[in-house]
PDB file of N, CA and C in Angstrom:
ATOM      1  N   LEU A   1       0.834  -1.191   0.000  1.00  0.00           N
ATOM      2  CA  LEU A   1       0.000   0.000   0.000  1.00  0.00           C
ATOM      3  C   LEU A   1       0.877   1.253   0.000  1.00  0.00           C
ATOM      4  N   ALA A   2       0.297   2.342  -0.484  1.00  0.00           N
ATOM      5  CA  ALA A   2       1.044   3.588  -0.595  1.00  0.00           C
ATOM      6  C   ALA A   2       1.040   4.397   0.699  1.00  0.00           C
ATOM      7  N   THR A   3       0.081   4.139   1.593  1.00  0.00           N
ATOM      8  CA  THR A   3      -0.008   4.918   2.827  1.00  0.00           C
ATOM      9  C   THR A   3      -0.151   4.005   4.037  1.00  0.00           C
ATOM     10  N   ASN A   4       0.267   4.537   5.176  1.00  0.00           N
ATOM     11  CA  ASN A   4       0.091   3.841   6.440  1.00  0.00           C
ATOM     12  C   ASN A   4      -0.337   4.890   7.456  1.00  0.00           C
ATOM     13  N   PRO A   5      -1.568   4.864   7.915  1.00  0.00           N
ATOM     14  CA  PRO A   5      -2.600   3.856   7.683  1.00  0.00           C
ATOM     15  C   PRO A   5      -3.156   3.956   6.253  1.00  0.00           C
ATOM     16  N   PRO A   6      -3.804   2.884   5.813  1.00  0.00           N
ATOM     17  CA  PRO A   6      -4.375   2.872   4.460  1.00  0.00           C
ATOM     18  C   PRO A   6      -5.428   3.967   4.282  1.00  0.00           C
ATOM     19  N   LYS A   7      -5.471   4.531   3.085  1.00  0.00           N
ATOM     20  CA  LYS A   7      -6.461   5.560   2.742  1.00  0.00           C
ATOM     21  C   LYS A   7      -7.161   5.170   1.451  1.00  0.00           C
ATOM     22  N   GLN A   8      -8.364   5.669   1.291  1.00  0.00           N
ATOM     23  CA  GLN A   8      -9.131   5.436   0.068  1.00  0.00           C
ATOM     24  C   GLN A   8      -8.977   6.585  -0.934  1.00  0.00           C
ATOM     25  N   GLU A   9      -8.574   7.767  -0.448  1.00  0.00           N
ATOM     26  CA  GLU A   9      -8.407   8.931  -1.318  1.00  0.00           C
ATOM     27  C   GLU A   9      -7.237   9.779  -0.852  1.00  0.00           C
ATOM     28  N   LEU A  10      -6.547  10.381  -1.805  1.00  0.00           N
ATOM     29  CA  LEU A  10      -5.477  11.344  -1.535  1.00  0.00           C
ATOM     30  C   LEU A  10      -5.658  12.514  -2.491  1.00  0.00           C
ATOM     31  N   THR A  11      -5.310  13.702  -2.025  1.00  0.00           N
ATOM     32  CA  THR A  11      -5.299  14.864  -2.902  1.00  0.00           C
ATOM     33  C   THR A  11      -3.855  15.311  -3.054  1.00  0.00           C
ATOM     34  N   LEU A  12      -3.408  15.378  -4.311  1.00  0.00           N
ATOM     35  CA  LEU A  12      -2.035  15.763  -4.619  1.00  0.00           C
ATOM     36  C   LEU A  12      -2.024  17.122  -5.305  1.00  0.00           C
ATOM     37  N   PHE A  13      -0.892  17.834  -5.149  1.00  0.00           N
ATOM     38  CA  PHE A  13      -0.716  19.087  -5.876  1.00  0.00           C
ATOM     39  C   PHE A  13       0.751  19.240  -6.253  1.00  0.00           C
ATOM     40  N   HIS A  14       0.986  20.056  -7.245  1.00  0.00           N
ATOM     41  CA  HIS A  14       2.340  20.448  -7.644  1.00  0.00           C
ATOM     42  C   HIS A  14       2.293  21.960  -7.801  1.00  0.00           C
ATOM     43  N   VAL A  15       3.334  22.645  -7.357  1.00  0.00           N
ATOM     44  CA  VAL A  15       3.316  24.109  -7.378  1.00  0.00           C
ATOM     45  C   VAL A  15       3.147  24.680  -8.786  1.00  0.00           C
ATOM     46  N   ARG A  16       3.471  23.908  -9.802  1.00  0.00           N
ATOM     47  CA  ARG A  16       3.365  24.410 -11.175  1.00  0.00           C
ATOM     48  C   ARG A  16       2.089  23.967 -11.889  1.00  0.00           C
ATOM     49  N   LEU A  17       1.283  23.159 -11.242  1.00  0.00           N
ATOM     50  CA  LEU A  17       0.032  22.702 -11.856  1.00  0.00           C
ATOM     51  C   LEU A  17      -1.137  23.489 -11.265  1.00  0.00           C
ATOM     52  N   PRO A  18      -2.026  24.031 -12.100  1.00  0.00           N
ATOM     53  CA  PRO A  18      -3.126  24.852 -11.583  1.00  0.00           C
ATOM     54  C   PRO A  18      -4.359  24.062 -11.146  1.00  0.00           C
ATOM     55  N   TRP A  19      -4.194  22.798 -10.828  1.00  0.00           N
ATOM     56  CA  TRP A  19      -5.312  21.961 -10.371  1.00  0.00           C
ATOM     57  C   TRP A  19      -4.773  20.880  -9.443  1.00  0.00           C
ATOM     58  N   TYR A  20      -5.666  20.270  -8.689  1.00  0.00           N
ATOM     59  CA  TYR A  20      -5.310  19.139  -7.831  1.00  0.00           C
ATOM     60  C   TYR A  20      -5.450  17.846  -8.614  1.00  0.00           C
ATOM     61  N   ILE A  21      -4.722  16.837  -8.162  1.00  0.00           N
ATOM     62  CA  ILE A  21      -4.878  15.487  -8.702  1.00  0.00           C
ATOM     63  C   ILE A  21      -5.454  14.636  -7.579  1.00  0.00           C
ATOM     64  N   HIS A  22      -6.623  14.078  -7.803  1.00  0.00           N
ATOM     65  CA  HIS A  22      -7.297  13.263  -6.794  1.00  0.00           C
ATOM     66  C   HIS A  22      -7.031  11.791  -7.088  1.00  0.00           C
ATOM     67  N   ILE A  23      -6.424  11.118  -6.119  1.00  0.00           N
ATOM     68  CA  ILE A  23      -6.097   9.699  -6.250  1.00  0.00           C
ATOM     69  C   ILE A  23      -7.138   8.901  -5.477  1.00  0.00           C
ATOM     70  N   ARG A  24      -7.666   7.878  -6.112  1.00  0.00           N
ATOM     71  CA  ARG A  24      -8.667   7.015  -5.467  1.00  0.00           C
ATOM     72  C   ARG A  24      -8.199   5.567  -5.502  1.00  0.00           C
ATOM     73  N   ALA A  25      -8.459   4.857  -4.423  1.00  0.00           N
ATOM     74  CA  ALA A  25      -8.079   3.443  -4.334  1.00  0.00           C
ATOM     75  C   ALA A  25      -8.850   2.633  -5.363  1.00  0.00           C
ATOM     76  N   THR A  26      -8.158   1.678  -5.971  1.00  0.00           N
ATOM     77  CA  THR A  26      -8.826   0.774  -6.916  1.00  0.00           C
ATOM     78  C   THR A  26      -9.133  -0.569  -6.267  1.00  0.00           C
ATOM     79  N   CYS A  27      -8.727  -0.728  -5.008  1.00  0.00           N
ATOM     80  CA  CYS A  27      -9.072  -1.946  -4.270  1.00  0.00           C
ATOM     81  C   CYS A  27      -9.499  -1.545  -2.857  1.00  0.00           C
ATOM     82  N   THR A  28     -10.194  -2.415  -2.187  1.00  0.00           N
ATOM     83  CA  THR A  28     -10.763  -2.083  -0.876  1.00  0.00           C
ATOM     84  C   THR A  28      -9.713  -1.922   0.219  1.00  0.00           C
ATOM     85  N   SER A  29      -8.515  -2.457   0.020  1.00  0.00           N
ATOM     86  CA  SER A  29      -7.495  -2.373   1.070  1.00  0.00           C
ATOM     87  C   SER A  29      -6.825  -1.005   1.143  1.00  0.00           C
ATOM     88  N   GLY A  30      -7.014  -0.158   0.138  1.00  0.00           N
ATOM     89  CA  GLY A  30      -6.446   1.187   0.167  1.00  0.00           C
ATOM     90  C   GLY A  30      -5.680   1.510  -1.105  1.00  0.00           C
ATOM     91  N   ILE A  31      -5.169   2.732  -1.143  1.00  0.00           N
ATOM     92  CA  ILE A  31      -4.423   3.201  -2.313  1.00  0.00           C
ATOM     93  C   ILE A  31      -3.088   2.474  -2.396  1.00  0.00           C
ATOM     94  N   THR A  32      -2.785   1.981  -3.574  1.00  0.00           N
ATOM     95  CA  THR A  32      -1.504   1.314  -3.814  1.00  0.00           C
ATOM     96  C   THR A  32      -0.545   2.281  -4.505  1.00  0.00           C
ATOM     97  N   ILE A  33       0.724   1.927  -4.519  1.00  0.00           N
ATOM     98  CA  ILE A  33       1.708   2.723  -5.257  1.00  0.00           C
ATOM     99  C   ILE A  33       1.329   2.766  -6.732  1.00  0.00           C
ATOM    100  N   LYS A  34       0.838   1.652  -7.247  1.00  0.00           N
ATOM    101  CA  LYS A  34       0.388   1.621  -8.645  1.00  0.00           C
ATOM    102  C   LYS A  34      -0.739   2.621  -8.870  1.00  0.00           C
ATOM    103  N   ASP A  35      -1.689   2.717  -7.932  1.00  0.00           N
ATOM    104  CA  ASP A  35      -2.769   3.702  -8.049  1.00  0.00           C
ATOM    105  C   ASP A  35      -2.189   5.113  -8.179  1.00  0.00           C
ATOM    106  N   VAL A  36      -1.241   5.443  -7.306  1.00  0.00           N
ATOM    107  CA  VAL A  36      -0.650   6.784  -7.302  1.00  0.00           C
ATOM    108  C   VAL A  36       0.028   7.070  -8.638  1.00  0.00           C
ATOM    109  N   LEU A  37       0.923   6.183  -9.052  1.00  0.00           N
ATOM    110  CA  LEU A  37       1.686   6.427 -10.276  1.00  0.00           C
ATOM    111  C   LEU A  37       0.797   6.428 -11.519  1.00  0.00           C
ATOM    112  N   THR A  38      -0.115   5.483 -11.605  1.00  0.00           N
ATOM    113  CA  THR A  38      -0.996   5.395 -12.771  1.00  0.00           C
ATOM    114  C   THR A  38      -1.912   6.609 -12.864  1.00  0.00           C
ATOM    115  N   GLN A  39      -2.480   7.016 -11.740  1.00  0.00           N
ATOM    116  CA  GLN A  39      -3.432   8.124 -11.774  1.00  0.00           C
ATOM    117  C   GLN A  39      -2.746   9.474 -11.980  1.00  0.00           C
ATOM    118  N   ILE A  40      -1.517   9.647 -11.462  1.00  0.00           N
ATOM    119  CA  ILE A  40      -0.750  10.853 -11.792  1.00  0.00           C
ATOM    120  C   ILE A  40      -0.498  10.875 -13.299  1.00  0.00           C
ATOM    121  N   HIS A  41      -0.014   9.765 -13.837  1.00  0.00           N
ATOM    122  CA  HIS A  41       0.271   9.680 -15.273  1.00  0.00           C
ATOM    123  C   HIS A  41      -0.970   9.995 -16.103  1.00  0.00           C
ATOM    124  N   ASP A  42      -2.083   9.346 -15.784  1.00  0.00           N
ATOM    125  CA  ASP A  42      -3.311   9.565 -16.547  1.00  0.00           C
ATOM    126  C   ASP A  42      -3.741  11.032 -16.502  1.00  0.00           C
ATOM    127  N   ASN A  43      -3.572  11.660 -15.338  1.00  0.00           N
ATOM    128  CA  ASN A  43      -3.981  13.052 -15.185  1.00  0.00           C
ATOM    129  C   ASN A  43      -3.098  13.986 -16.006  1.00  0.00           C
ATOM    130  N   ILE A  44      -1.793  13.861 -15.885  1.00  0.00           N
ATOM    131  CA  ILE A  44      -0.917  14.824 -16.565  1.00  0.00           C
ATOM    132  C   ILE A  44      -0.804  14.576 -18.068  1.00  0.00           C
ATOM    133  N   MET A  45      -1.279  13.433 -18.538  1.00  0.00           N
ATOM    134  CA  MET A  45      -1.261  13.168 -19.980  1.00  0.00           C
ATOM    135  C   MET A  45      -2.515  13.688 -20.686  1.00  0.00           C
ATOM    136  N   GLN A  46      -3.447  14.260 -19.939  1.00  0.00           N
ATOM    137  CA  GLN A  46      -4.638  14.838 -20.563  1.00  0.00           C
ATOM    138  C   GLN A  46      -4.244  16.070 -21.379  1.00  0.00           C
ATOM    139  N   THR A  47      -4.859  16.221 -22.541  1.00  0.00           N
ATOM    140  CA  THR A  47      -4.574  17.400 -23.356  1.00  0.00           C
ATOM    141  C   THR A  47      -5.217  18.628 -22.724  1.00  0.00           C
ATOM    142  N   ILE A  48      -4.648  19.777 -23.043  1.00  0.00           N
ATOM    143  CA  ILE A  48      -5.171  21.034 -22.512  1.00  0.00           C
ATOM    144  C   ILE A  48      -5.718  21.875 -23.657  1.00  0.00           C
ATOM    145  N   GLU A  49      -6.583  22.785 -23.305  1.00  0.00           N
ATOM    146  CA  GLU A  49      -7.217  23.677 -24.273  1.00  0.00           C
ATOM    147  C   GLU A  49      -6.505  25.030 -24.262  1.00  0.00           C
ATOM    148  N   SER A  50      -6.743  25.822 -25.271  1.00  0.00           N
ATOM    149  CA  SER A  50      -6.089  27.131 -25.352  1.00  0.00           C
ATOM    150  C   SER A  50      -6.451  28.010 -24.156  1.00  0.00           C
ATOM    151  N   ARG A  51      -7.660  27.866 -23.621  1.00  0.00           N
ATOM    152  CA  ARG A  51      -8.047  28.676 -22.453  1.00  0.00           C
ATOM    153  C   ARG A  51      -7.190  28.355 -21.229  1.00  0.00           C
ATOM    154  N   ASP A  52      -6.576  27.158 -21.209  1.00  0.00           N
ATOM    155  CA  ASP A  52      -5.719  26.778 -20.088  1.00  0.00           C
ATOM    156  C   ASP A  52      -4.376  27.505 -20.117  1.00  0.00           C
ATOM    157  N   ILE A  53      -3.963  27.967 -21.294  1.00  0.00           N
ATOM    158  CA  ILE A  53      -2.649  28.620 -21.376  1.00  0.00           C
ATOM    159  C   ILE A  53      -2.725  30.098 -21.737  1.00  0.00           C
ATOM    160  N   TYR A  54      -3.817  30.524 -22.355  1.00  0.00           N
ATOM    161  CA  TYR A  54      -3.977  31.944 -22.686  1.00  0.00           C
ATOM    162  C   TYR A  54      -4.948  32.551 -21.690  1.00  0.00           C
ATOM    163  N   ASN A  55      -4.380  32.986 -20.561  1.00  0.00           N
ATOM    164  CA  ASN A  55      -5.179  33.549 -19.474  1.00  0.00           C
ATOM    165  C   ASN A  55      -4.347  34.579 -18.727  1.00  0.00           C
ATOM    166  N   VAL A  56      -4.906  35.194 -17.707  1.00  0.00           N
ATOM    167  CA  VAL A  56      -4.199  36.247 -16.974  1.00  0.00           C
ATOM    168  C   VAL A  56      -3.111  35.706 -16.054  1.00  0.00           C
ATOM    169  N   VAL A  57      -3.124  34.420 -15.772  1.00  0.00           N
ATOM    170  CA  VAL A  57      -2.148  33.831 -14.852  1.00  0.00           C
ATOM    171  C   VAL A  57      -0.815  33.553 -15.550  1.00  0.00           C
ATOM    172  N   LEU A  58      -0.870  33.094 -16.793  1.00  0.00           N
ATOM    173  CA  LEU A  58       0.343  32.737 -17.530  1.00  0.00           C
ATOM    174  C   LEU A  58       0.749  33.864 -18.472  1.00  0.00           C
ATOM    175  N   ASP A  59       2.063  34.137 -18.503  1.00  0.00           N
ATOM    176  CA  ASP A  59       2.552  35.148 -19.434  1.00  0.00           C
ATOM    177  C   ASP A  59       3.290  34.476 -20.596  1.00  0.00           C
ATOM    178  N   ALA A  60       3.844  35.286 -21.491  1.00  0.00           N
ATOM    179  CA  ALA A  60       4.516  34.756 -22.685  1.00  0.00           C
ATOM    180  C   ALA A  60       5.685  33.857 -22.317  1.00  0.00           C
ATOM    181  N   SER A  61       6.409  34.191 -21.262  1.00  0.00           N
ATOM    182  CA  SER A  61       7.554  33.362 -20.851  1.00  0.00           C
ATOM    183  C   SER A  61       7.100  31.998 -20.338  1.00  0.00           C
ATOM    184  N   ASP A  62       5.971  31.955 -19.617  1.00  0.00           N
ATOM    185  CA  ASP A  62       5.411  30.671 -19.165  1.00  0.00           C
ATOM    186  C   ASP A  62       5.026  29.809 -20.362  1.00  0.00           C
ATOM    187  N   ARG A  63       4.371  30.431 -21.337  1.00  0.00           N
ATOM    188  CA  ARG A  63       3.954  29.689 -22.533  1.00  0.00           C
ATOM    189  C   ARG A  63       5.158  29.192 -23.328  1.00  0.00           C
ATOM    190  N   GLU A  64       6.218  29.991 -23.371  1.00  0.00           N
ATOM    191  CA  GLU A  64       7.434  29.567 -24.073  1.00  0.00           C
ATOM    192  C   GLU A  64       8.063  28.357 -23.379  1.00  0.00           C
ATOM    193  N   GLU A  65       8.083  28.369 -22.049  1.00  0.00           N
ATOM    194  CA  GLU A  65       8.627  27.236 -21.293  1.00  0.00           C
ATOM    195  C   GLU A  65       7.797  25.972 -21.529  1.00  0.00           C
ATOM    196  N   MET A  66       6.482  26.131 -21.605  1.00  0.00           N
ATOM    197  CA  MET A  66       5.616  24.982 -21.879  1.00  0.00           C
ATOM    198  C   MET A  66       5.870  24.434 -23.283  1.00  0.00           C
ATOM    199  N   THR A  67       6.079  25.325 -24.236  1.00  0.00           N
ATOM    200  CA  THR A  67       6.356  24.896 -25.608  1.00  0.00           C
ATOM    201  C   THR A  67       7.686  24.165 -25.685  1.00  0.00           C
ATOM    202  N   THR A  68       8.691  24.650 -24.960  1.00  0.00           N
ATOM    203  CA  THR A  68       9.991  23.971 -24.907  1.00  0.00           C
ATOM    204  C   THR A  68       9.826  22.573 -24.328  1.00  0.00           C
ATOM    205  N   ALA A  69       9.049  22.459 -23.256  1.00  0.00           N
ATOM    206  CA  ALA A  69       8.804  21.143 -22.637  1.00  0.00           C
ATOM    207  C   ALA A  69       8.084  20.220 -23.611  1.00  0.00           C
ATOM    208  N   TYR A  70       7.127  20.763 -24.334  1.00  0.00           N
ATOM    209  CA  TYR A  70       6.392  19.987 -25.344  1.00  0.00           C
ATOM    210  C   TYR A  70       7.358  19.419 -26.385  1.00  0.00           C
ATOM    211  N   HIS A  71       8.254  20.265 -26.911  1.00  0.00           N
ATOM    212  CA  HIS A  71       9.198  19.803 -27.940  1.00  0.00           C
ATOM    213  C   HIS A  71      10.187  18.783 -27.373  1.00  0.00           C
ATOM    214  N   TYR A  72      10.587  18.953 -26.114  1.00  0.00           N
ATOM    215  CA  TYR A  72      11.472  17.974 -25.467  1.00  0.00           C
ATOM    216  C   TYR A  72      10.755  16.630 -25.359  1.00  0.00           C
ATOM    217  N   ARG A  73       9.501  16.669 -24.939  1.00  0.00           N
ATOM    218  CA  ARG A  73       8.711  15.447 -24.760  1.00  0.00           C
ATOM    219  C   ARG A  73       8.441  14.755 -26.087  1.00  0.00           C
ATOM    220  N   MET A  74       8.141  15.517 -27.096  1.00  0.00           N
ATOM    221  CA  MET A  74       7.731  14.944 -28.376  1.00  0.00           C
ATOM    222  C   MET A  74       8.908  14.606 -29.291  1.00  0.00           C
ATOM    223  N   GLY A  75      10.061  15.233 -29.106  1.00  0.00           N
ATOM    224  CA  GLY A  75      11.189  14.983 -30.006  1.00  0.00           C
ATOM    225  C   GLY A  75      10.811  15.388 -31.418  1.00  0.00           C
ATOM    226  N   SER A  76      11.033  14.505 -32.358  1.00  0.00           N
ATOM    227  CA  SER A  76      10.723  14.816 -33.756  1.00  0.00           C
ATOM    228  C   SER A  76       9.278  14.473 -34.116  1.00  0.00           C
ATOM    229  N   GLN A  77       8.573  13.817 -33.196  1.00  0.00           N
ATOM    230  CA  GLN A  77       7.166  13.502 -33.458  1.00  0.00           C
ATOM    231  C   GLN A  77       6.346  14.785 -33.381  1.00  0.00           C
ATOM    232  N   ASP A  78       5.187  14.740 -33.932  1.00  0.00           N
ATOM    233  CA  ASP A  78       4.326  15.911 -33.883  1.00  0.00           C
ATOM    234  C   ASP A  78       2.970  15.521 -33.312  1.00  0.00           C
ATOM    235  N   SER A  79       2.506  16.311 -32.378  1.00  0.00           N
ATOM    236  CA  SER A  79       1.191  16.106 -31.783  1.00  0.00           C
ATOM    237  C   SER A  79       0.508  17.469 -31.761  1.00  0.00           C
ATOM    238  N   PRO A  80      -0.758  17.534 -32.050  1.00  0.00           N
ATOM    239  CA  PRO A  80      -1.413  18.834 -32.156  1.00  0.00           C
ATOM    240  C   PRO A  80      -1.692  19.529 -30.825  1.00  0.00           C
ATOM    241  N   LYS A  81      -1.529  18.845 -29.719  1.00  0.00           N
ATOM    242  CA  LYS A  81      -1.958  19.434 -28.448  1.00  0.00           C
ATOM    243  C   LYS A  81      -0.878  19.370 -27.377  1.00  0.00           C
ATOM    244  N   LEU A  82      -0.863  20.411 -26.556  1.00  0.00           N
ATOM    245  CA  LEU A  82      -0.071  20.375 -25.336  1.00  0.00           C
ATOM    246  C   LEU A  82      -0.797  19.485 -24.339  1.00  0.00           C
ATOM    247  N   ARG A  83      -0.041  18.988 -23.376  1.00  0.00           N
ATOM    248  CA  ARG A  83      -0.623  18.166 -22.318  1.00  0.00           C
ATOM    249  C   ARG A  83      -0.377  18.844 -20.978  1.00  0.00           C
ATOM    250  N   ARG A  84      -1.134  18.410 -19.977  1.00  0.00           N
ATOM    251  CA  ARG A  84      -0.985  18.993 -18.643  1.00  0.00           C
ATOM    252  C   ARG A  84       0.461  18.917 -18.156  1.00  0.00           C
ATOM    253  N   MET A  85       1.161  17.850 -18.508  1.00  0.00           N
ATOM    254  CA  MET A  85       2.536  17.718 -18.023  1.00  0.00           C
ATOM    255  C   MET A  85       3.433  18.839 -18.529  1.00  0.00           C
ATOM    256  N   ASP A  86       3.066  19.488 -19.635  1.00  0.00           N
ATOM    257  CA  ASP A  86       3.884  20.574 -20.162  1.00  0.00           C
ATOM    258  C   ASP A  86       3.892  21.783 -19.230  1.00  0.00           C
ATOM    259  N   PHE A  87       2.922  21.882 -18.312  1.00  0.00           N
ATOM    260  CA  PHE A  87       2.947  22.922 -17.285  1.00  0.00           C
ATOM    261  C   PHE A  87       4.177  22.770 -16.387  1.00  0.00           C
ATOM    262  N   LEU A  88       4.704  21.559 -16.285  1.00  0.00           N
ATOM    263  CA  LEU A  88       5.858  21.307 -15.418  1.00  0.00           C
ATOM    264  C   LEU A  88       7.162  21.820 -16.011  1.00  0.00           C
ATOM    265  N   GLY A  89       7.139  22.248 -17.265  1.00  0.00           N
ATOM    266  CA  GLY A  89       8.383  22.656 -17.906  1.00  0.00           C
ATOM    267  C   GLY A  89       9.310  21.457 -17.977  1.00  0.00           C
ATOM    268  N   MET A  90      10.541  21.648 -17.551  1.00  0.00           N
ATOM    269  CA  MET A  90      11.523  20.561 -17.575  1.00  0.00           C
ATOM    270  C   MET A  90      11.613  19.834 -16.231  1.00  0.00           C
ATOM    271  N   ASP A  91      10.776  20.197 -15.266  1.00  0.00           N
ATOM    272  CA  ASP A  91      10.736  19.521 -13.959  1.00  0.00           C
ATOM    273  C   ASP A  91       9.886  18.260 -14.064  1.00  0.00           C
ATOM    274  N   ILE A  92      10.382  17.251 -14.763  1.00  0.00           N
ATOM    275  CA  ILE A  92       9.554  16.082 -15.071  1.00  0.00           C
ATOM    276  C   ILE A  92      10.056  14.778 -14.465  1.00  0.00           C
ATOM    277  N   VAL A  93      11.091  14.842 -13.642  1.00  0.00           N
ATOM    278  CA  VAL A  93      11.576  13.627 -12.981  1.00  0.00           C
ATOM    279  C   VAL A  93      10.852  13.509 -11.640  1.00  0.00           C
ATOM    280  N   PHE A  94      10.062  12.454 -11.491  1.00  0.00           N
ATOM    281  CA  PHE A  94       9.288  12.249 -10.261  1.00  0.00           C
ATOM    282  C   PHE A  94      10.223  11.857  -9.125  1.00  0.00           C
ATOM    283  N   MET A  95      10.168  12.620  -8.029  1.00  0.00           N
ATOM    284  CA  MET A  95      11.029  12.374  -6.873  1.00  0.00           C
ATOM    285  C   MET A  95      10.264  11.805  -5.679  1.00  0.00           C
ATOM    286  N   GLY A  96       8.945  11.934  -5.690  1.00  0.00           N
ATOM    287  CA  GLY A  96       8.152  11.409  -4.586  1.00  0.00           C
ATOM    288  C   GLY A  96       7.091  12.398  -4.145  1.00  0.00           C
ATOM    289  N   LEU A  97       6.534  12.144  -2.968  1.00  0.00           N
ATOM    290  CA  LEU A  97       5.485  12.983  -2.394  1.00  0.00           C
ATOM    291  C   LEU A  97       5.941  13.495  -1.035  1.00  0.00           C
ATOM    292  N   ALA A  98       5.547  14.715  -0.703  1.00  0.00           N
ATOM    293  CA  ALA A  98       5.840  15.291   0.608  1.00  0.00           C
ATOM    294  C   ALA A  98       4.528  15.754   1.227  1.00  0.00           C
ATOM    295  N   LYS A  99       4.385  15.517   2.517  1.00  0.00           N
ATOM    296  CA  LYS A  99       3.150  15.904   3.203  1.00  0.00           C
ATOM    297  C   LYS A  99       3.013  17.420   3.186  1.00  0.00           C
ATOM    298  N   GLY A 100       1.859  17.872   2.721  1.00  0.00           N
ATOM    299  CA  GLY A 100       1.575  19.302   2.672  1.00  0.00           C
ATOM    300  C   GLY A 100       0.582  19.684   3.746  1.00  0.00           C
ATOM    301  N   GLU A 101      -0.075  20.805   3.543  1.00  0.00           N
ATOM    302  CA  GLU A 101      -1.067  21.290   4.501  1.00  0.00           C
ATOM    303  C   GLU A 101      -2.459  20.769   4.155  1.00  0.00           C
ATOM    304  N   ASN A 102      -3.314  20.760   5.150  1.00  0.00           N
ATOM    305  CA  ASN A 102      -4.730  20.397   4.976  1.00  0.00           C
ATOM    306  C   ASN A 102      -4.923  19.008   4.384  1.00  0.00           C
ATOM    307  N   GLY A 103      -4.027  18.080   4.715  1.00  0.00           N
ATOM    308  CA  GLY A 103      -4.169  16.703   4.259  1.00  0.00           C
ATOM    309  C   GLY A 103      -3.763  16.466   2.816  1.00  0.00           C
ATOM    310  N   ARG A 104      -3.231  17.485   2.161  1.00  0.00           N
ATOM    311  CA  ARG A 104      -2.793  17.328   0.771  1.00  0.00           C
ATOM    312  C   ARG A 104      -1.328  16.907   0.731  1.00  0.00           C
ATOM    313  N   TRP A 105      -0.940  16.305  -0.383  1.00  0.00           N
ATOM    314  CA  TRP A 105       0.431  15.852  -0.586  1.00  0.00           C
ATOM    315  C   TRP A 105       1.020  16.551  -1.801  1.00  0.00           C
ATOM    316  N   GLU A 106       2.258  17.045  -1.656  1.00  0.00           N
ATOM    317  CA  GLU A 106       2.924  17.753  -2.747  1.00  0.00           C
ATOM    318  C   GLU A 106       3.720  16.779  -3.604  1.00  0.00           C
ATOM    319  N   ILE A 107       3.537  16.863  -4.904  1.00  0.00           N
ATOM    320  CA  ILE A 107       4.326  16.076  -5.850  1.00  0.00           C
ATOM    321  C   ILE A 107       5.671  16.775  -6.009  1.00  0.00           C
ATOM    322  N   LYS A 108       6.742  16.055  -5.727  1.00  0.00           N
ATOM    323  CA  LYS A 108       8.095  16.601  -5.851  1.00  0.00           C
ATOM    324  C   LYS A 108       8.712  16.119  -7.156  1.00  0.00           C
ATOM    325  N   THR A 109       9.283  17.043  -7.905  1.00  0.00           N
ATOM    326  CA  THR A 109       9.928  16.713  -9.171  1.00  0.00           C
ATOM    327  C   THR A 109      11.284  17.388  -9.249  1.00  0.00           C
ATOM    328  N   ALA A 110      12.078  16.954 -10.221  1.00  0.00           N
ATOM    329  CA  ALA A 110      13.391  17.547 -10.468  1.00  0.00           C
ATOM    330  C   ALA A 110      13.545  17.753 -11.970  1.00  0.00           C
ATOM    331  N   LEU A 111      14.558  18.522 -12.326  1.00  0.00           N
ATOM    332  CA  LEU A 111      14.822  18.788 -13.738  1.00  0.00           C
ATOM    333  C   LEU A 111      15.215  17.524 -14.478  1.00  0.00           C
ATOM    334  N   ALA A 112      14.754  17.424 -15.705  1.00  0.00           N
ATOM    335  CA  ALA A 112      15.146  16.311 -16.579  1.00  0.00           C
ATOM    336  C   ALA A 112      16.609  16.492 -16.965  1.00  0.00           C
ATOM    337  N   PRO A 113      17.333  15.389 -17.148  1.00  0.00           N
ATOM    338  CA  PRO A 113      18.723  15.522 -17.581  1.00  0.00           C
ATOM    339  C   PRO A 113      18.784  16.109 -18.996  1.00  0.00           C
ATOM    340  N   PRO A 114      19.845  16.869 -19.286  1.00  0.00           N
ATOM    341  CA  PRO A 114      19.956  17.480 -20.626  1.00  0.00           C
ATOM    342  C   PRO A 114      20.113  16.447 -21.723  1.00  0.00           C
TER     343      PRO A 114
END
């Protein structure tokens, strides 16, 4: 299991993501490590809409960093859409979770190797 004591739900956040990621147990015994990793992956691989990046919160430099992350992720392949993970910029190496406030857990990441 991913937690001790076992839990049925966890709320995760990352300082660079503008939404929470809600993890739910897929078995009655509680959330597993597989649940955490799979559900984080599924969440950050969702495509984003233009309204998610063209708003008052993000400026041109933020959008440029997201585009750089997109090109790093895609390489020579081409995909028509940015994904939620592109909000992370180059901070895409998963380092673990740290206990945050109000029962939430912070997703810790590090820079991708060059």
